Amino acid sequence: PAKEAWERSIEMLHMVGIPSPESRVN
């Protein structure tokens, strides 16, 4: 589902060390 994919994209940004992934995804 789209919501799960979005949450996983935040998780991936966190995994690769990008700070504040919740805002960086936008």
PDB file of all heavy atoms in Angstrom:
ATOM      1  N   PRO A   1       0.823  -1.213   0.000  1.00  0.00           N
ATOM      2  CA  PRO A   1       0.000   0.000   0.000  1.00  0.00           C
ATOM      3  C   PRO A   1       0.860   1.267   0.000  1.00  0.00           C
ATOM      4  O   PRO A   1       2.006   1.258   0.464  1.00  0.00           O
ATOM      5  CB  PRO A   1      -0.807  -0.118   1.300  1.00  0.00           C
ATOM      6  CG  PRO A   1      -0.791  -1.566   1.645  1.00  0.00           C
ATOM      7  CD  PRO A   1       0.514  -2.100   1.136  1.00  0.00           C
ATOM      8  N   ALA A   2       0.288   2.356  -0.494  1.00  0.00           N
ATOM      9  CA  ALA A   2       1.023   3.619  -0.624  1.00  0.00           C
ATOM     10  C   ALA A   2       1.553   4.106   0.723  1.00  0.00           C
ATOM     11  O   ALA A   2       2.678   4.596   0.817  1.00  0.00           O
ATOM     12  CB  ALA A   2       0.124   4.674  -1.253  1.00  0.00           C
ATOM     13  N   LYS A   3       0.745   3.962   1.776  1.00  0.00           N
ATOM     14  CA  LYS A   3       1.166   4.439   3.102  1.00  0.00           C
ATOM     15  C   LYS A   3       2.388   3.666   3.590  1.00  0.00           C
ATOM     16  O   LYS A   3       3.343   4.254   4.110  1.00  0.00           O
ATOM     17  CB  LYS A   3       0.012   4.290   4.094  1.00  0.00           C
ATOM     18  CG  LYS A   3       0.350   4.842   5.479  1.00  0.00           C
ATOM     19  CD  LYS A   3      -0.810   4.697   6.448  1.00  0.00           C
ATOM     20  CE  LYS A   3      -0.442   5.239   7.826  1.00  0.00           C
ATOM     21  NZ  LYS A   3      -1.544   5.041   8.801  1.00  0.00           N
ATOM     22  N   GLU A   4       2.369   2.345   3.402  1.00  0.00           N
ATOM     23  CA  GLU A   4       3.502   1.526   3.847  1.00  0.00           C
ATOM     24  C   GLU A   4       4.758   1.846   3.038  1.00  0.00           C
ATOM     25  O   GLU A   4       5.859   1.905   3.586  1.00  0.00           O
ATOM     26  CB  GLU A   4       3.164   0.043   3.703  1.00  0.00           C
ATOM     27  CG  GLU A   4       4.271  -0.874   4.211  1.00  0.00           C
ATOM     28  CD  GLU A   4       3.949  -2.349   4.060  1.00  0.00           C
ATOM     29  OE1 GLU A   4       2.755  -2.690   3.959  1.00  0.00           O
ATOM     30  OE2 GLU A   4       4.900  -3.164   4.032  1.00  0.00           O
ATOM     31  N   ALA A   5       4.575   2.083   1.733  1.00  0.00           N
ATOM     32  CA  ALA A   5       5.719   2.426   0.881  1.00  0.00           C
ATOM     33  C   ALA A   5       6.329   3.755   1.320  1.00  0.00           C
ATOM     34  O   ALA A   5       7.561   3.916   1.326  1.00  0.00           O
ATOM     35  CB  ALA A   5       5.279   2.502  -0.579  1.00  0.00           C
ATOM     36  N   TRP A   6       5.475   4.711   1.691  1.00  0.00           N
ATOM     37  CA  TRP A   6       5.968   6.019   2.155  1.00  0.00           C
ATOM     38  C   TRP A   6       6.746   5.872   3.464  1.00  0.00           C
ATOM     39  O   TRP A   6       7.811   6.473   3.638  1.00  0.00           O
ATOM     40  CB  TRP A   6       4.795   6.981   2.330  1.00  0.00           C
ATOM     41  CG  TRP A   6       5.216   8.377   2.682  1.00  0.00           C
ATOM     42  CD1 TRP A   6       5.184   8.961   3.909  1.00  0.00           C
ATOM     43  CD2 TRP A   6       5.751   9.353   1.788  1.00  0.00           C
ATOM     44  NE1 TRP A   6       5.651  10.246   3.841  1.00  0.00           N
ATOM     45  CE2 TRP A   6       6.017  10.527   2.556  1.00  0.00           C
ATOM     46  CE3 TRP A   6       6.033   9.370   0.431  1.00  0.00           C
ATOM     47  CZ2 TRP A   6       6.538  11.676   1.997  1.00  0.00           C
ATOM     48  CZ3 TRP A   6       6.550  10.529  -0.127  1.00  0.00           C
ATOM     49  CH2 TRP A   6       6.811  11.662   0.643  1.00  0.00           C
ATOM     50  N   GLU A   7       6.227   5.052   4.377  1.00  0.00           N
ATOM     51  CA  GLU A   7       6.910   4.819   5.650  1.00  0.00           C
ATOM     52  C   GLU A   7       8.259   4.130   5.424  1.00  0.00           C
ATOM     53  O   GLU A   7       9.255   4.432   6.093  1.00  0.00           O
ATOM     54  CB  GLU A   7       6.027   3.968   6.567  1.00  0.00           C
ATOM     55  CG  GLU A   7       4.809   4.716   7.098  1.00  0.00           C
ATOM     56  CD  GLU A   7       3.835   3.810   7.832  1.00  0.00           C
ATOM     57  OE1 GLU A   7       4.032   2.565   7.801  1.00  0.00           O
ATOM     58  OE2 GLU A   7       2.878   4.337   8.447  1.00  0.00           O
ATOM     59  N   ARG A   8       8.289   3.226   4.461  1.00  0.00           N
ATOM     60  CA  ARG A   8       9.547   2.545   4.159  1.00  0.00           C
ATOM     61  C   ARG A   8      10.553   3.482   3.500  1.00  0.00           C
ATOM     62  O   ARG A   8      11.768   3.339   3.685  1.00  0.00           O
ATOM     63  CB  ARG A   8       9.278   1.326   3.266  1.00  0.00           C
ATOM     64  CG  ARG A   8       8.768   0.131   4.055  1.00  0.00           C
ATOM     65  CD  ARG A   8       8.422  -1.055   3.192  1.00  0.00           C
ATOM     66  NE  ARG A   8       9.567  -1.560   2.445  1.00  0.00           N
ATOM     67  CZ  ARG A   8       9.506  -2.615   1.634  1.00  0.00           C
ATOM     68  NH1 ARG A   8       8.356  -3.262   1.484  1.00  0.00           N
ATOM     69  NH2 ARG A   8      10.575  -3.017   0.980  1.00  0.00           N
ATOM     70  N   SER A   9      10.076   4.460   2.744  1.00  0.00           N
ATOM     71  CA  SER A   9      10.997   5.432   2.147  1.00  0.00           C
ATOM     72  C   SER A   9      11.637   6.297   3.237  1.00  0.00           C
ATOM     73  O   SER A   9      12.828   6.621   3.157  1.00  0.00           O
ATOM     74  CB  SER A   9      10.275   6.304   1.112  1.00  0.00           C
ATOM     75  OG  SER A   9       9.316   7.150   1.725  1.00  0.00           O
ATOM     76  N   ILE A  10      10.872   6.627   4.273  1.00  0.00           N
ATOM     77  CA  ILE A  10      11.437   7.353   5.426  1.00  0.00           C
ATOM     78  C   ILE A  10      12.467   6.485   6.134  1.00  0.00           C
ATOM     79  O   ILE A  10      13.556   6.940   6.505  1.00  0.00           O
ATOM     80  CB  ILE A  10      10.319   7.772   6.405  1.00  0.00           C
ATOM     81  CG1 ILE A  10       9.358   8.776   5.739  1.00  0.00           C
ATOM     82  CG2 ILE A  10      10.916   8.364   7.687  1.00  0.00           C
ATOM     83  CD1 ILE A  10       8.140   9.118   6.577  1.00  0.00           C
ATOM     84  N   GLU A  11      12.128   5.200   6.286  1.00  0.00           N
ATOM     85  CA  GLU A  11      13.047   4.254   6.922  1.00  0.00           C
ATOM     86  C   GLU A  11      14.355   4.133   6.141  1.00  0.00           C
ATOM     87  O   GLU A  11      15.439   4.074   6.735  1.00  0.00           O
ATOM     88  CB  GLU A  11      12.373   2.885   7.014  1.00  0.00           C
ATOM     89  CG  GLU A  11      13.235   1.804   7.656  1.00  0.00           C
ATOM     90  CD  GLU A  11      12.609   0.423   7.548  1.00  0.00           C
ATOM     91  OE1 GLU A  11      11.392   0.332   7.303  1.00  0.00           O
ATOM     92  OE2 GLU A  11      13.360  -0.559   7.682  1.00  0.00           O
ATOM     93  N   MET A  12      14.253   4.128   4.798  1.00  0.00           N
ATOM     94  CA  MET A  12      15.452   4.009   3.971  1.00  0.00           C
ATOM     95  C   MET A  12      16.334   5.251   4.102  1.00  0.00           C
ATOM     96  O   MET A  12      17.558   5.143   4.162  1.00  0.00           O
ATOM     97  CB  MET A  12      15.087   3.783   2.506  1.00  0.00           C
ATOM     98  CG  MET A  12      14.454   2.424   2.203  1.00  0.00           C
ATOM     99  SD  MET A  12      15.350   1.004   2.895  1.00  0.00           S
ATOM    100  CE  MET A  12      16.947   1.184   2.110  1.00  0.00           C
ATOM    101  N   LEU A  13      15.730   6.447   4.146  1.00  0.00           N
ATOM    102  CA  LEU A  13      16.516   7.667   4.325  1.00  0.00           C
ATOM    103  C   LEU A  13      17.218   7.660   5.673  1.00  0.00           C
ATOM    104  O   LEU A  13      18.362   8.116   5.797  1.00  0.00           O
ATOM    105  CB  LEU A  13      15.629   8.905   4.187  1.00  0.00           C
ATOM    106  CG  LEU A  13      15.066   9.212   2.800  1.00  0.00           C
ATOM    107  CD1 LEU A  13      14.364  10.567   2.800  1.00  0.00           C
ATOM    108  CD2 LEU A  13      16.157   9.195   1.736  1.00  0.00           C
ATOM    109  N   HIS A  14      16.531   7.130   6.679  1.00  0.00           N
ATOM    110  CA  HIS A  14      17.156   7.013   7.999  1.00  0.00           C
ATOM    111  C   HIS A  14      18.314   6.016   7.939  1.00  0.00           C
ATOM    112  O   HIS A  14      19.387   6.254   8.502  1.00  0.00           O
ATOM    113  CB  HIS A  14      16.119   6.561   9.024  1.00  0.00           C
ATOM    114  CG  HIS A  14      16.687   6.314  10.389  1.00  0.00           C
ATOM    115  ND1 HIS A  14      17.088   7.324  11.233  1.00  0.00           N
ATOM    116  CD2 HIS A  14      16.951   5.142  11.057  1.00  0.00           C
ATOM    117  CE1 HIS A  14      17.565   6.818  12.346  1.00  0.00           C
ATOM    118  NE2 HIS A  14      17.491   5.492  12.270  1.00  0.00           N
ATOM    119  N   MET A  15      18.124   4.906   7.215  1.00  0.00           N
ATOM    120  CA  MET A  15      19.144   3.856   7.119  1.00  0.00           C
ATOM    121  C   MET A  15      20.417   4.367   6.450  1.00  0.00           C
ATOM    122  O   MET A  15      21.516   3.994   6.831  1.00  0.00           O
ATOM    123  CB  MET A  15      18.593   2.657   6.336  1.00  0.00           C
ATOM    124  CG  MET A  15      19.536   1.450   6.327  1.00  0.00           C
ATOM    125  SD  MET A  15      18.959   0.085   5.272  1.00  0.00           S
ATOM    126  CE  MET A  15      17.547  -0.483   6.199  1.00  0.00           C
ATOM    127  N   VAL A  16      20.262   5.245   5.453  1.00  0.00           N
ATOM    128  CA  VAL A  16      21.443   5.741   4.739  1.00  0.00           C
ATOM    129  C   VAL A  16      22.036   6.993   5.391  1.00  0.00           C
ATOM    130  O   VAL A  16      22.928   7.629   4.831  1.00  0.00           O
ATOM    131  CB  VAL A  16      21.126   6.029   3.250  1.00  0.00           C
ATOM    132  CG1 VAL A  16      20.751   4.753   2.534  1.00  0.00           C
ATOM    133  CG2 VAL A  16      20.057   7.092   3.082  1.00  0.00           C
ATOM    134  N   GLY A  17      21.527   7.342   6.574  1.00  0.00           N
ATOM    135  CA  GLY A  17      22.160   8.392   7.362  1.00  0.00           C
ATOM    136  C   GLY A  17      21.775   9.813   7.019  1.00  0.00           C
ATOM    137  O   GLY A  17      22.538  10.746   7.308  1.00  0.00           O
ATOM    138  N   ILE A  18      20.601  10.003   6.423  1.00  0.00           N
ATOM    139  CA  ILE A  18      20.142  11.369   6.142  1.00  0.00           C
ATOM    140  C   ILE A  18      19.403  11.896   7.367  1.00  0.00           C
ATOM    141  O   ILE A  18      18.438  11.266   7.834  1.00  0.00           O
ATOM    142  CB  ILE A  18      19.234  11.405   4.898  1.00  0.00           C
ATOM    143  CG1 ILE A  18      20.070  11.093   3.650  1.00  0.00           C
ATOM    144  CG2 ILE A  18      18.529  12.749   4.750  1.00  0.00           C
ATOM    145  CD1 ILE A  18      19.306  11.117   2.353  1.00  0.00           C
ATOM    146  N   PRO A  19      19.824  13.037   7.926  1.00  0.00           N
ATOM    147  CA  PRO A  19      19.178  13.564   9.132  1.00  0.00           C
ATOM    148  C   PRO A  19      17.745  14.033   8.849  1.00  0.00           C
ATOM    149  O   PRO A  19      17.419  14.413   7.723  1.00  0.00           O
ATOM    150  CB  PRO A  19      20.073  14.738   9.538  1.00  0.00           C
ATOM    151  CG  PRO A  19      20.780  15.139   8.276  1.00  0.00           C
ATOM    152  CD  PRO A  19      20.941  13.885   7.478  1.00  0.00           C
ATOM    153  N   SER A  20      16.904  13.968   9.881  1.00  0.00           N
ATOM    154  CA  SER A  20      15.500  14.386   9.780  1.00  0.00           C
ATOM    155  C   SER A  20      14.804  13.785   8.563  1.00  0.00           C
ATOM    156  O   SER A  20      14.266  14.507   7.711  1.00  0.00           O
ATOM    157  CB  SER A  20      15.400  15.919   9.731  1.00  0.00           C
ATOM    158  OG  SER A  20      16.075  16.512  10.797  1.00  0.00           O
ATOM    159  N   PRO A  21      14.796  12.457   8.420  1.00  0.00           N
ATOM    160  CA  PRO A  21      14.220  11.836   7.233  1.00  0.00           C
ATOM    161  C   PRO A  21      12.731  12.130   7.046  1.00  0.00           C
ATOM    162  O   PRO A  21      12.244  12.163   5.916  1.00  0.00           O
ATOM    163  CB  PRO A  21      14.466  10.339   7.453  1.00  0.00           C
ATOM    164  CG  PRO A  21      14.649  10.186   8.924  1.00  0.00           C
ATOM    165  CD  PRO A  21      15.292  11.451   9.384  1.00  0.00           C
ATOM    166  N   GLU A  22      12.011  12.374   8.149  1.00  0.00           N
ATOM    167  CA  GLU A  22      10.574  12.658   8.044  1.00  0.00           C
ATOM    168  C   GLU A  22      10.298  13.921   7.238  1.00  0.00           C
ATOM    169  O   GLU A  22       9.274  14.034   6.547  1.00  0.00           O
ATOM    170  CB  GLU A  22       9.943  12.793   9.438  1.00  0.00           C
ATOM    171  CG  GLU A  22       9.961  11.523  10.271  1.00  0.00           C
ATOM    172  CD  GLU A  22      11.293  11.294  10.976  1.00  0.00           C
ATOM    173  OE1 GLU A  22      12.201  12.148  10.841  1.00  0.00           O
ATOM    174  OE2 GLU A  22      11.434  10.256  11.647  1.00  0.00           O
ATOM    175  N   SER A  23      11.206  14.901   7.330  1.00  0.00           N
ATOM    176  CA  SER A  23      11.018  16.126   6.548  1.00  0.00           C
ATOM    177  C   SER A  23      11.754  16.063   5.210  1.00  0.00           C
ATOM    178  O   SER A  23      11.300  16.634   4.213  1.00  0.00           O
ATOM    179  CB  SER A  23      11.507  17.340   7.344  1.00  0.00           C
ATOM    180  OG  SER A  23      12.881  17.198   7.691  1.00  0.00           O
ATOM    181  N   ARG A  24      12.874  15.334   5.175  1.00  0.00           N
ATOM    182  CA  ARG A  24      13.661  15.250   3.937  1.00  0.00           C
ATOM    183  C   ARG A  24      12.927  14.525   2.816  1.00  0.00           C
ATOM    184  O   ARG A  24      13.203  14.752   1.644  1.00  0.00           O
ATOM    185  CB  ARG A  24      14.996  14.539   4.206  1.00  0.00           C
ATOM    186  CG  ARG A  24      15.963  15.332   5.054  1.00  0.00           C
ATOM    187  CD  ARG A  24      16.601  16.445   4.258  1.00  0.00           C
ATOM    188  NE  ARG A  24      17.687  17.074   4.992  1.00  0.00           N
ATOM    189  CZ  ARG A  24      18.483  18.010   4.506  1.00  0.00           C
ATOM    190  NH1 ARG A  24      18.302  18.442   3.275  1.00  0.00           N
ATOM    191  NH2 ARG A  24      19.428  18.546   5.229  1.00  0.00           N
ATOM    192  N   VAL A  25      12.013  13.616   3.169  1.00  0.00           N
ATOM    193  CA  VAL A  25      11.278  12.895   2.120  1.00  0.00           C
ATOM    194  C   VAL A  25      10.453  13.837   1.258  1.00  0.00           C
ATOM    195  O   VAL A  25      10.101  13.523   0.127  1.00  0.00           O
ATOM    196  CB  VAL A  25      10.339  11.808   2.704  1.00  0.00           C
ATOM    197  CG1 VAL A  25      11.098  10.629   3.205  1.00  0.00           C
ATOM    198  CG2 VAL A  25       9.438  12.385   3.776  1.00  0.00           C
ATOM    199  N   ASN A  26      10.151  15.034   1.793  1.00  0.00           N
ATOM    200  CA  ASN A  26       9.340  16.008   1.053  1.00  0.00           C
ATOM    201  C   ASN A  26      10.189  16.995   0.251  1.00  0.00           C
ATOM    202  O   ASN A  26       9.659  17.960  -0.301  1.00  0.00           O
ATOM    203  CB  ASN A  26       8.433  16.768   2.020  1.00  0.00           C
ATOM    204  CG  ASN A  26       7.352  15.877   2.603  1.00  0.00           C
ATOM    205  OD1 ASN A  26       6.588  15.270   1.865  1.00  0.00           O
ATOM    206  ND2 ASN A  26       7.290  15.780   3.927  1.00  0.00           N
TER     207      ASN A  26
END
